[in-house]
């Protein structure tokens, strides 16, 4: 009672009177008053849990509204590989189009909780279904072998898909569209291939390929800029296996027409069109 009075800047007696009024209104005692202390009754403990939960929800909703209505901060969540290889290098154009926005990039491979209001929208690599959220497909994904020009030359120029069986193959862990699937797609028996390193992120496998450590099964969205810049080559560009996932714009249910979501959607649409129009 004393600590509550100090926090609320009222007297100890005022807090006691409010508690008694509440108990009278509810028709049950909330505290057991002992000689030197008070403890919650079972009903008091249940009521406290309910009030704490509701006040927490109220606080989160107030934060969400404050963040949305501030108009200046836009927080975008996306995965490590997509951020490093595609989104981050392009964000400057979004800032140029909307200098009034303070753009924050939240990079994580976890699906963030969009309901807490801390993230305006996310770009996720997935199957298009996200619990408690709406999504729109913005980019499809294909996979094809990529390597450095030096490694290609060292391996005799890689004249046909079967020549990959002599190469060190680099792997992205957990990718369903993997080397087994690609070799089957290309009609190649891969039983004698050399297994190279496996990486948790596609961007790491791509960087290993750029360093000349082997051939990576590159995701088309992640490797196109490196191919355009000459850091990578795709020996068999005609053999592109469609991946099981693609890139989706994900946002809270009912927020499709929110200003920040619309700004991000329009910009992504324009950037994707420009990206797909490039050769390679």
C-alpha atoms as a PDB file:
ATOM      1  CA  UNK A   1       0.000   0.000   0.000  1.00  0.00           C
ATOM      2  CA  UNK A   2       2.836   2.379   0.863  1.00  0.00           C
ATOM      3  CA  UNK A   3       4.722   1.731  -2.395  1.00  0.00           C
ATOM      4  CA  UNK A   4       1.517   2.144  -4.411  1.00  0.00           C
ATOM      5  CA  UNK A   5       0.808   5.431  -2.674  1.00  0.00           C
ATOM      6  CA  UNK A   6       4.328   6.697  -3.458  1.00  0.00           C
ATOM      7  CA  UNK A   7       4.060   5.702  -7.122  1.00  0.00           C
ATOM      8  CA  UNK A   8       0.631   7.325  -7.518  1.00  0.00           C
ATOM      9  CA  UNK A   9       1.576  10.403  -5.437  1.00  0.00           C
ATOM     10  CA  UNK A  10      -1.379   9.976  -3.074  1.00  0.00           C
ATOM     11  CA  UNK A  11      -1.661   9.071   0.597  1.00  0.00           C
ATOM     12  CA  UNK A  12      -1.570   5.558   2.028  1.00  0.00           C
ATOM     13  CA  UNK A  13      -5.125   6.054   3.258  1.00  0.00           C
ATOM     14  CA  UNK A  14      -6.362   6.984  -0.224  1.00  0.00           C
ATOM     15  CA  UNK A  15      -5.023   3.731  -1.661  1.00  0.00           C
ATOM     16  CA  UNK A  16      -6.633   1.736   1.153  1.00  0.00           C
ATOM     17  CA  UNK A  17      -9.996   3.399   0.578  1.00  0.00           C
ATOM     18  CA  UNK A  18      -9.865   2.690  -3.172  1.00  0.00           C
ATOM     19  CA  UNK A  19      -9.029  -0.966  -2.527  1.00  0.00           C
ATOM     20  CA  UNK A  20     -11.940  -1.303  -0.086  1.00  0.00           C
ATOM     21  CA  UNK A  21     -14.270   0.371  -2.582  1.00  0.00           C
ATOM     22  CA  UNK A  22     -13.138  -2.077  -5.263  1.00  0.00           C
ATOM     23  CA  UNK A  23     -13.684  -5.048  -2.932  1.00  0.00           C
ATOM     24  CA  UNK A  24     -17.174  -3.806  -2.150  1.00  0.00           C
ATOM     25  CA  UNK A  25     -17.925  -3.395  -5.858  1.00  0.00           C
ATOM     26  CA  UNK A  26     -16.651  -6.895  -6.680  1.00  0.00           C
ATOM     27  CA  UNK A  27     -18.264  -8.487  -3.644  1.00  0.00           C
ATOM     28  CA  UNK A  28     -15.116 -10.449  -2.680  1.00  0.00           C
ATOM     29  CA  UNK A  29     -12.026  -9.646  -0.553  1.00  0.00           C
ATOM     30  CA  UNK A  30      -8.892  -9.154  -2.626  1.00  0.00           C
ATOM     31  CA  UNK A  31      -6.449  -9.152   0.315  1.00  0.00           C
ATOM     32  CA  UNK A  32      -6.037 -10.931   3.604  1.00  0.00           C
ATOM     33  CA  UNK A  33      -4.909  -8.334   6.138  1.00  0.00           C
ATOM     34  CA  UNK A  34      -2.429  -9.810   8.610  1.00  0.00           C
ATOM     35  CA  UNK A  35      -0.654  -8.120  11.530  1.00  0.00           C
ATOM     36  CA  UNK A  36       2.295  -6.669   9.633  1.00  0.00           C
ATOM     37  CA  UNK A  37       1.506  -7.437   6.045  1.00  0.00           C
ATOM     38  CA  UNK A  38      -1.229  -8.115   3.507  1.00  0.00           C
ATOM     39  CA  UNK A  39      -1.415 -10.978   1.008  1.00  0.00           C
ATOM     40  CA  UNK A  40      -3.610 -11.557  -2.002  1.00  0.00           C
ATOM     41  CA  UNK A  41      -6.556 -13.909  -1.680  1.00  0.00           C
ATOM     42  CA  UNK A  42      -7.097 -16.488  -4.416  1.00  0.00           C
ATOM     43  CA  UNK A  43      -9.650 -14.153  -5.997  1.00  0.00           C
ATOM     44  CA  UNK A  44      -7.195 -11.260  -5.678  1.00  0.00           C
ATOM     45  CA  UNK A  45      -4.443 -13.243  -7.410  1.00  0.00           C
ATOM     46  CA  UNK A  46      -6.768 -14.166 -10.294  1.00  0.00           C
ATOM     47  CA  UNK A  47      -7.952 -10.587 -10.631  1.00  0.00           C
ATOM     48  CA  UNK A  48      -4.356  -9.302 -10.581  1.00  0.00           C
ATOM     49  CA  UNK A  49      -3.377 -11.690 -13.393  1.00  0.00           C
ATOM     50  CA  UNK A  50      -6.316 -10.554 -15.524  1.00  0.00           C
ATOM     51  CA  UNK A  51      -5.639  -6.858 -14.917  1.00  0.00           C
ATOM     52  CA  UNK A  52      -1.905  -7.267 -15.668  1.00  0.00           C
ATOM     53  CA  UNK A  53      -2.678  -9.039 -18.930  1.00  0.00           C
ATOM     54  CA  UNK A  54      -5.189  -6.410 -20.027  1.00  0.00           C
ATOM     55  CA  UNK A  55      -2.931  -3.515 -19.095  1.00  0.00           C
ATOM     56  CA  UNK A  56      -0.121  -5.179 -21.046  1.00  0.00           C
ATOM     57  CA  UNK A  57      -2.336  -5.456 -24.126  1.00  0.00           C
ATOM     58  CA  UNK A  58      -3.394  -1.833 -23.709  1.00  0.00           C
ATOM     59  CA  UNK A  59       0.249  -0.732 -23.516  1.00  0.00           C
ATOM     60  CA  UNK A  60       1.208  -2.705 -26.619  1.00  0.00           C
ATOM     61  CA  UNK A  61      -1.728  -1.312 -28.577  1.00  0.00           C
ATOM     62  CA  UNK A  62      -0.838   2.231 -27.510  1.00  0.00           C
ATOM     63  CA  UNK A  63       2.755   1.652 -28.655  1.00  0.00           C
ATOM     64  CA  UNK A  64       1.524   0.272 -31.977  1.00  0.00           C
ATOM     65  CA  UNK A  65      -0.702   3.293 -32.574  1.00  0.00           C
ATOM     66  CA  UNK A  66       2.011   5.697 -31.518  1.00  0.00           C
ATOM     67  CA  UNK A  67       4.498   4.072 -33.880  1.00  0.00           C
ATOM     68  CA  UNK A  68       2.029   3.963 -36.772  1.00  0.00           C
ATOM     69  CA  UNK A  69       0.783   7.488 -36.356  1.00  0.00           C
ATOM     70  CA  UNK A  70       4.187   9.063 -35.803  1.00  0.00           C
ATOM     71  CA  UNK A  71       4.572   8.897 -39.588  1.00  0.00           C
ATOM     72  CA  UNK A  72       8.351   9.042 -39.557  1.00  0.00           C
ATOM     73  CA  UNK A  73       9.623   5.588 -38.583  1.00  0.00           C
ATOM     74  CA  UNK A  74       9.237   2.581 -40.872  1.00  0.00           C
ATOM     75  CA  UNK A  75      10.596  -0.722 -39.569  1.00  0.00           C
ATOM     76  CA  UNK A  76      11.025  -3.565 -42.058  1.00  0.00           C
ATOM     77  CA  UNK A  77      11.910  -7.067 -40.918  1.00  0.00           C
ATOM     78  CA  UNK A  78      13.612  -9.562 -43.217  1.00  0.00           C
ATOM     79  CA  UNK A  79      16.011 -12.486 -43.251  1.00  0.00           C
ATOM     80  CA  UNK A  80      19.809 -12.299 -43.108  1.00  0.00           C
ATOM     81  CA  UNK A  81      20.482 -13.471 -46.665  1.00  0.00           C
ATOM     82  CA  UNK A  82      17.793 -11.371 -48.354  1.00  0.00           C
ATOM     83  CA  UNK A  83      18.853  -8.288 -46.388  1.00  0.00           C
ATOM     84  CA  UNK A  84      22.545  -8.592 -47.250  1.00  0.00           C
ATOM     85  CA  UNK A  85      22.236  -9.653 -50.899  1.00  0.00           C
ATOM     86  CA  UNK A  86      19.126  -7.781 -52.097  1.00  0.00           C
ATOM     87  CA  UNK A  87      17.211  -5.452 -49.790  1.00  0.00           C
ATOM     88  CA  UNK A  88      19.866  -3.440 -47.954  1.00  0.00           C
ATOM     89  CA  UNK A  89      21.761  -2.368 -51.113  1.00  0.00           C
ATOM     90  CA  UNK A  90      18.503  -0.972 -52.534  1.00  0.00           C
ATOM     91  CA  UNK A  91      17.058   0.818 -49.509  1.00  0.00           C
ATOM     92  CA  UNK A  92      18.720   4.083 -50.474  1.00  0.00           C
ATOM     93  CA  UNK A  93      16.224   4.445 -53.327  1.00  0.00           C
ATOM     94  CA  UNK A  94      13.307   4.089 -50.891  1.00  0.00           C
ATOM     95  CA  UNK A  95      14.867   6.788 -48.727  1.00  0.00           C
ATOM     96  CA  UNK A  96      15.267   8.996 -51.787  1.00  0.00           C
ATOM     97  CA  UNK A  97      11.598   8.549 -52.698  1.00  0.00           C
ATOM     98  CA  UNK A  98      10.413   9.129 -49.127  1.00  0.00           C
ATOM     99  CA  UNK A  99      12.877  11.351 -47.266  1.00  0.00           C
ATOM    100  CA  UNK A 100      10.238  11.894 -44.579  1.00  0.00           C
ATOM    101  CA  UNK A 101      10.621   8.262 -43.457  1.00  0.00           C
ATOM    102  CA  UNK A 102      13.163   7.087 -40.914  1.00  0.00           C
ATOM    103  CA  UNK A 103      13.787   3.572 -42.242  1.00  0.00           C
ATOM    104  CA  UNK A 104      14.901   0.819 -39.878  1.00  0.00           C
ATOM    105  CA  UNK A 105      15.887  -2.656 -41.098  1.00  0.00           C
ATOM    106  CA  UNK A 106      15.314  -5.441 -38.562  1.00  0.00           C
ATOM    107  CA  UNK A 107      17.363  -8.454 -39.710  1.00  0.00           C
ATOM    108  CA  UNK A 108      16.413 -11.845 -38.307  1.00  0.00           C
ATOM    109  CA  UNK A 109      15.565 -15.287 -39.641  1.00  0.00           C
ATOM    110  CA  UNK A 110      12.759 -15.572 -37.077  1.00  0.00           C
ATOM    111  CA  UNK A 111       9.195 -14.648 -37.986  1.00  0.00           C
ATOM    112  CA  UNK A 112       8.634 -11.583 -35.836  1.00  0.00           C
ATOM    113  CA  UNK A 113       5.355 -10.807 -34.067  1.00  0.00           C
ATOM    114  CA  UNK A 114       3.694  -8.179 -36.249  1.00  0.00           C
ATOM    115  CA  UNK A 115       0.960  -7.568 -33.688  1.00  0.00           C
ATOM    116  CA  UNK A 116       3.186  -5.746 -31.192  1.00  0.00           C
ATOM    117  CA  UNK A 117       3.438  -2.736 -33.510  1.00  0.00           C
ATOM    118  CA  UNK A 118       7.254  -2.629 -33.484  1.00  0.00           C
ATOM    119  CA  UNK A 119       7.535  -3.798 -37.121  1.00  0.00           C
ATOM    120  CA  UNK A 120       5.441  -2.296 -39.914  1.00  0.00           C
ATOM    121  CA  UNK A 121       5.925  -5.125 -42.416  1.00  0.00           C
ATOM    122  CA  UNK A 122       8.249  -7.999 -43.231  1.00  0.00           C
ATOM    123  CA  UNK A 123       9.724  -9.602 -46.332  1.00  0.00           C
ATOM    124  CA  UNK A 124       9.944 -13.357 -45.758  1.00  0.00           C
ATOM    125  CA  UNK A 125      11.244 -16.333 -47.710  1.00  0.00           C
ATOM    126  CA  UNK A 126       8.473 -18.875 -47.343  1.00  0.00           C
ATOM    127  CA  UNK A 127       5.577 -20.815 -48.791  1.00  0.00           C
ATOM    128  CA  UNK A 128       3.150 -17.887 -48.598  1.00  0.00           C
ATOM    129  CA  UNK A 129       1.393 -18.875 -45.377  1.00  0.00           C
ATOM    130  CA  UNK A 130       2.129 -17.003 -42.147  1.00  0.00           C
ATOM    131  CA  UNK A 131       0.109 -17.528 -38.979  1.00  0.00           C
ATOM    132  CA  UNK A 132      -1.954 -14.506 -37.966  1.00  0.00           C
ATOM    133  CA  UNK A 133      -0.773 -12.355 -40.891  1.00  0.00           C
ATOM    134  CA  UNK A 134      -1.564 -11.486 -44.497  1.00  0.00           C
ATOM    135  CA  UNK A 135       0.966 -11.831 -47.305  1.00  0.00           C
ATOM    136  CA  UNK A 136       1.547 -11.098 -50.981  1.00  0.00           C
ATOM    137  CA  UNK A 137       4.092 -12.870 -53.204  1.00  0.00           C
ATOM    138  CA  UNK A 138       6.594 -10.381 -54.613  1.00  0.00           C
ATOM    139  CA  UNK A 139       9.324 -12.636 -56.072  1.00  0.00           C
ATOM    140  CA  UNK A 140       9.578 -16.235 -57.134  1.00  0.00           C
ATOM    141  CA  UNK A 141      12.837 -18.094 -56.611  1.00  0.00           C
ATOM    142  CA  UNK A 142      14.844 -20.500 -58.781  1.00  0.00           C
ATOM    143  CA  UNK A 143      18.126 -22.268 -58.095  1.00  0.00           C
ATOM    144  CA  UNK A 144      21.048 -22.960 -60.436  1.00  0.00           C
ATOM    145  CA  UNK A 145      24.764 -23.704 -59.941  1.00  0.00           C
ATOM    146  CA  UNK A 146      27.101 -20.710 -59.589  1.00  0.00           C
ATOM    147  CA  UNK A 147      30.842 -20.377 -59.078  1.00  0.00           C
ATOM    148  CA  UNK A 148      33.703 -17.972 -59.675  1.00  0.00           C
ATOM    149  CA  UNK A 149      35.212 -17.720 -63.156  1.00  0.00           C
ATOM    150  CA  UNK A 150      38.520 -18.907 -61.725  1.00  0.00           C
ATOM    151  CA  UNK A 151      36.995 -22.058 -60.278  1.00  0.00           C
ATOM    152  CA  UNK A 152      35.117 -22.740 -63.522  1.00  0.00           C
ATOM    153  CA  UNK A 153      38.348 -22.495 -65.488  1.00  0.00           C
ATOM    154  CA  UNK A 154      40.222 -24.672 -62.999  1.00  0.00           C
ATOM    155  CA  UNK A 155      37.566 -27.355 -63.469  1.00  0.00           C
ATOM    156  CA  UNK A 156      37.959 -27.420 -67.243  1.00  0.00           C
ATOM    157  CA  UNK A 157      35.281 -24.869 -68.075  1.00  0.00           C
ATOM    158  CA  UNK A 158      32.355 -27.006 -66.830  1.00  0.00           C
ATOM    159  CA  UNK A 159      31.091 -27.862 -70.327  1.00  0.00           C
ATOM    160  CA  UNK A 160      28.029 -29.830 -69.188  1.00  0.00           C
ATOM    161  CA  UNK A 161      26.055 -30.565 -65.997  1.00  0.00           C
ATOM    162  CA  UNK A 162      27.806 -33.932 -65.552  1.00  0.00           C
ATOM    163  CA  UNK A 163      31.107 -32.069 -65.120  1.00  0.00           C
ATOM    164  CA  UNK A 164      29.833 -30.847 -61.758  1.00  0.00           C
ATOM    165  CA  UNK A 165      30.328 -34.358 -60.354  1.00  0.00           C
ATOM    166  CA  UNK A 166      34.063 -33.561 -60.228  1.00  0.00           C
ATOM    167  CA  UNK A 167      33.474 -30.324 -58.291  1.00  0.00           C
ATOM    168  CA  UNK A 168      33.278 -29.472 -54.616  1.00  0.00           C
ATOM    169  CA  UNK A 169      29.633 -28.659 -53.975  1.00  0.00           C
ATOM    170  CA  UNK A 170      28.642 -25.987 -51.456  1.00  0.00           C
ATOM    171  CA  UNK A 171      25.345 -26.338 -49.603  1.00  0.00           C
ATOM    172  CA  UNK A 172      22.742 -24.128 -47.958  1.00  0.00           C
ATOM    173  CA  UNK A 173      21.446 -26.096 -44.986  1.00  0.00           C
ATOM    174  CA  UNK A 174      17.675 -26.594 -44.783  1.00  0.00           C
ATOM    175  CA  UNK A 175      17.095 -25.589 -48.422  1.00  0.00           C
ATOM    176  CA  UNK A 176      14.592 -28.037 -49.874  1.00  0.00           C
ATOM    177  CA  UNK A 177      15.524 -27.272 -53.476  1.00  0.00           C
ATOM    178  CA  UNK A 178      18.935 -28.881 -52.931  1.00  0.00           C
ATOM    179  CA  UNK A 179      21.659 -30.499 -55.004  1.00  0.00           C
ATOM    180  CA  UNK A 180      19.885 -33.868 -55.100  1.00  0.00           C
ATOM    181  CA  UNK A 181      16.842 -32.227 -56.652  1.00  0.00           C
ATOM    182  CA  UNK A 182      18.867 -30.163 -59.104  1.00  0.00           C
ATOM    183  CA  UNK A 183      20.894 -33.152 -60.377  1.00  0.00           C
ATOM    184  CA  UNK A 184      17.675 -35.133 -60.833  1.00  0.00           C
ATOM    185  CA  UNK A 185      16.196 -32.128 -62.670  1.00  0.00           C
ATOM    186  CA  UNK A 186      19.297 -31.987 -64.919  1.00  0.00           C
ATOM    187  CA  UNK A 187      19.279 -35.758 -65.464  1.00  0.00           C
ATOM    188  CA  UNK A 188      22.718 -36.332 -63.918  1.00  0.00           C
ATOM    189  CA  UNK A 189      23.854 -39.239 -61.705  1.00  0.00           C
ATOM    190  CA  UNK A 190      25.547 -37.459 -58.792  1.00  0.00           C
ATOM    191  CA  UNK A 191      26.677 -40.407 -56.681  1.00  0.00           C
ATOM    192  CA  UNK A 192      30.375 -39.569 -57.036  1.00  0.00           C
ATOM    193  CA  UNK A 193      30.219 -35.848 -56.225  1.00  0.00           C
ATOM    194  CA  UNK A 194      32.457 -34.236 -53.581  1.00  0.00           C
ATOM    195  CA  UNK A 195      30.565 -32.760 -50.657  1.00  0.00           C
ATOM    196  CA  UNK A 196      31.792 -29.354 -49.567  1.00  0.00           C
ATOM    197  CA  UNK A 197      30.851 -27.122 -46.680  1.00  0.00           C
ATOM    198  CA  UNK A 198      27.255 -26.494 -45.589  1.00  0.00           C
ATOM    199  CA  UNK A 199      26.124 -23.052 -44.435  1.00  0.00           C
ATOM    200  CA  UNK A 200      23.153 -21.890 -42.404  1.00  0.00           C
ATOM    201  CA  UNK A 201      22.543 -18.951 -44.765  1.00  0.00           C
ATOM    202  CA  UNK A 202      22.434 -18.839 -48.527  1.00  0.00           C
ATOM    203  CA  UNK A 203      24.493 -15.641 -48.548  1.00  0.00           C
ATOM    204  CA  UNK A 204      27.357 -17.494 -46.834  1.00  0.00           C
ATOM    205  CA  UNK A 205      27.359 -20.269 -49.465  1.00  0.00           C
ATOM    206  CA  UNK A 206      27.391 -17.588 -52.164  1.00  0.00           C
ATOM    207  CA  UNK A 207      30.362 -15.810 -50.583  1.00  0.00           C
ATOM    208  CA  UNK A 208      32.232 -19.135 -50.438  1.00  0.00           C
ATOM    209  CA  UNK A 209      31.571 -19.605 -54.154  1.00  0.00           C
ATOM    210  CA  UNK A 210      32.856 -16.090 -54.869  1.00  0.00           C
ATOM    211  CA  UNK A 211      36.062 -16.994 -53.010  1.00  0.00           C
ATOM    212  CA  UNK A 212      36.510 -19.972 -55.344  1.00  0.00           C
ATOM    213  CA  UNK A 213      35.845 -22.708 -52.795  1.00  0.00           C
ATOM    214  CA  UNK A 214      33.459 -24.663 -55.009  1.00  0.00           C
ATOM    215  CA  UNK A 215      30.083 -24.507 -56.725  1.00  0.00           C
ATOM    216  CA  UNK A 216      27.025 -23.276 -54.826  1.00  0.00           C
ATOM    217  CA  UNK A 217      23.430 -23.920 -55.721  1.00  0.00           C
ATOM    218  CA  UNK A 218      22.548 -20.268 -55.884  1.00  0.00           C
ATOM    219  CA  UNK A 219      19.127 -18.775 -55.334  1.00  0.00           C
ATOM    220  CA  UNK A 220      18.376 -16.590 -58.341  1.00  0.00           C
ATOM    221  CA  UNK A 221      17.335 -13.534 -56.322  1.00  0.00           C
ATOM    222  CA  UNK A 222      20.474 -13.666 -54.191  1.00  0.00           C
ATOM    223  CA  UNK A 223      23.036 -14.262 -56.951  1.00  0.00           C
ATOM    224  CA  UNK A 224      21.853 -12.095 -59.855  1.00  0.00           C
ATOM    225  CA  UNK A 225      23.685  -8.955 -58.741  1.00  0.00           C
ATOM    226  CA  UNK A 226      26.917 -10.950 -58.269  1.00  0.00           C
ATOM    227  CA  UNK A 227      26.530 -12.456 -61.746  1.00  0.00           C
ATOM    228  CA  UNK A 228      25.939  -9.001 -63.229  1.00  0.00           C
ATOM    229  CA  UNK A 229      29.075  -7.720 -61.468  1.00  0.00           C
ATOM    230  CA  UNK A 230      31.184 -10.650 -62.701  1.00  0.00           C
ATOM    231  CA  UNK A 231      31.829 -12.062 -59.248  1.00  0.00           C
ATOM    232  CA  UNK A 232      29.949 -15.241 -60.195  1.00  0.00           C
ATOM    233  CA  UNK A 233      29.030 -17.146 -63.331  1.00  0.00           C
ATOM    234  CA  UNK A 234      26.129 -19.529 -63.912  1.00  0.00           C
ATOM    235  CA  UNK A 235      27.484 -22.295 -66.175  1.00  0.00           C
ATOM    236  CA  UNK A 236      24.008 -23.644 -66.991  1.00  0.00           C
ATOM    237  CA  UNK A 237      21.570 -20.722 -66.887  1.00  0.00           C
ATOM    238  CA  UNK A 238      18.967 -22.706 -68.792  1.00  0.00           C
ATOM    239  CA  UNK A 239      18.745 -25.265 -65.961  1.00  0.00           C
ATOM    240  CA  UNK A 240      16.900 -23.314 -63.269  1.00  0.00           C
ATOM    241  CA  UNK A 241      14.950 -25.409 -60.782  1.00  0.00           C
ATOM    242  CA  UNK A 242      11.949 -23.636 -59.234  1.00  0.00           C
ATOM    243  CA  UNK A 243      12.410 -23.399 -55.476  1.00  0.00           C
ATOM    244  CA  UNK A 244       9.744 -24.494 -53.041  1.00  0.00           C
ATOM    245  CA  UNK A 245       9.545 -21.003 -51.568  1.00  0.00           C
ATOM    246  CA  UNK A 246       9.458 -17.409 -52.662  1.00  0.00           C
ATOM    247  CA  UNK A 247       9.621 -13.919 -51.186  1.00  0.00           C
ATOM    248  CA  UNK A 248       6.479 -12.490 -49.615  1.00  0.00           C
ATOM    249  CA  UNK A 249       5.495  -9.104 -48.274  1.00  0.00           C
ATOM    250  CA  UNK A 250       3.917  -9.886 -44.885  1.00  0.00           C
ATOM    251  CA  UNK A 251       1.868  -7.530 -42.715  1.00  0.00           C
ATOM    252  CA  UNK A 252      -0.742  -7.458 -39.962  1.00  0.00           C
ATOM    253  CA  UNK A 253      -4.256  -8.622 -40.779  1.00  0.00           C
ATOM    254  CA  UNK A 254      -6.291  -5.593 -41.835  1.00  0.00           C
ATOM    255  CA  UNK A 255      -3.289  -3.318 -42.495  1.00  0.00           C
ATOM    256  CA  UNK A 256      -3.055  -3.830 -46.263  1.00  0.00           C
ATOM    257  CA  UNK A 257      -4.042  -0.217 -46.920  1.00  0.00           C
ATOM    258  CA  UNK A 258      -1.958   1.327 -44.140  1.00  0.00           C
ATOM    259  CA  UNK A 259       0.224   4.104 -45.536  1.00  0.00           C
ATOM    260  CA  UNK A 260       3.555   2.491 -44.687  1.00  0.00           C
ATOM    261  CA  UNK A 261       2.537  -0.891 -46.078  1.00  0.00           C
ATOM    262  CA  UNK A 262       1.377   0.787 -49.302  1.00  0.00           C
ATOM    263  CA  UNK A 263       4.628   2.751 -49.581  1.00  0.00           C
ATOM    264  CA  UNK A 264       6.677  -0.409 -49.114  1.00  0.00           C
ATOM    265  CA  UNK A 265       4.516  -2.434 -51.540  1.00  0.00           C
ATOM    266  CA  UNK A 266       4.742   0.210 -54.274  1.00  0.00           C
ATOM    267  CA  UNK A 267       8.501   0.542 -53.879  1.00  0.00           C
ATOM    268  CA  UNK A 268       9.072  -3.225 -53.830  1.00  0.00           C
ATOM    269  CA  UNK A 269       6.937  -3.645 -56.951  1.00  0.00           C
ATOM    270  CA  UNK A 270       9.011  -1.052 -58.792  1.00  0.00           C
ATOM    271  CA  UNK A 271      12.334  -2.488 -57.589  1.00  0.00           C
ATOM    272  CA  UNK A 272      11.349  -6.054 -58.475  1.00  0.00           C
ATOM    273  CA  UNK A 273      10.310  -4.989 -61.993  1.00  0.00           C
ATOM    274  CA  UNK A 274      13.641  -3.234 -62.462  1.00  0.00           C
ATOM    275  CA  UNK A 275      15.511  -6.223 -61.040  1.00  0.00           C
ATOM    276  CA  UNK A 276      13.766  -8.760 -63.281  1.00  0.00           C
ATOM    277  CA  UNK A 277      14.306  -6.598 -66.354  1.00  0.00           C
ATOM    278  CA  UNK A 278      18.082  -6.975 -66.005  1.00  0.00           C
ATOM    279  CA  UNK A 279      19.738  -9.726 -68.079  1.00  0.00           C
ATOM    280  CA  UNK A 280      21.092 -12.748 -66.180  1.00  0.00           C
END
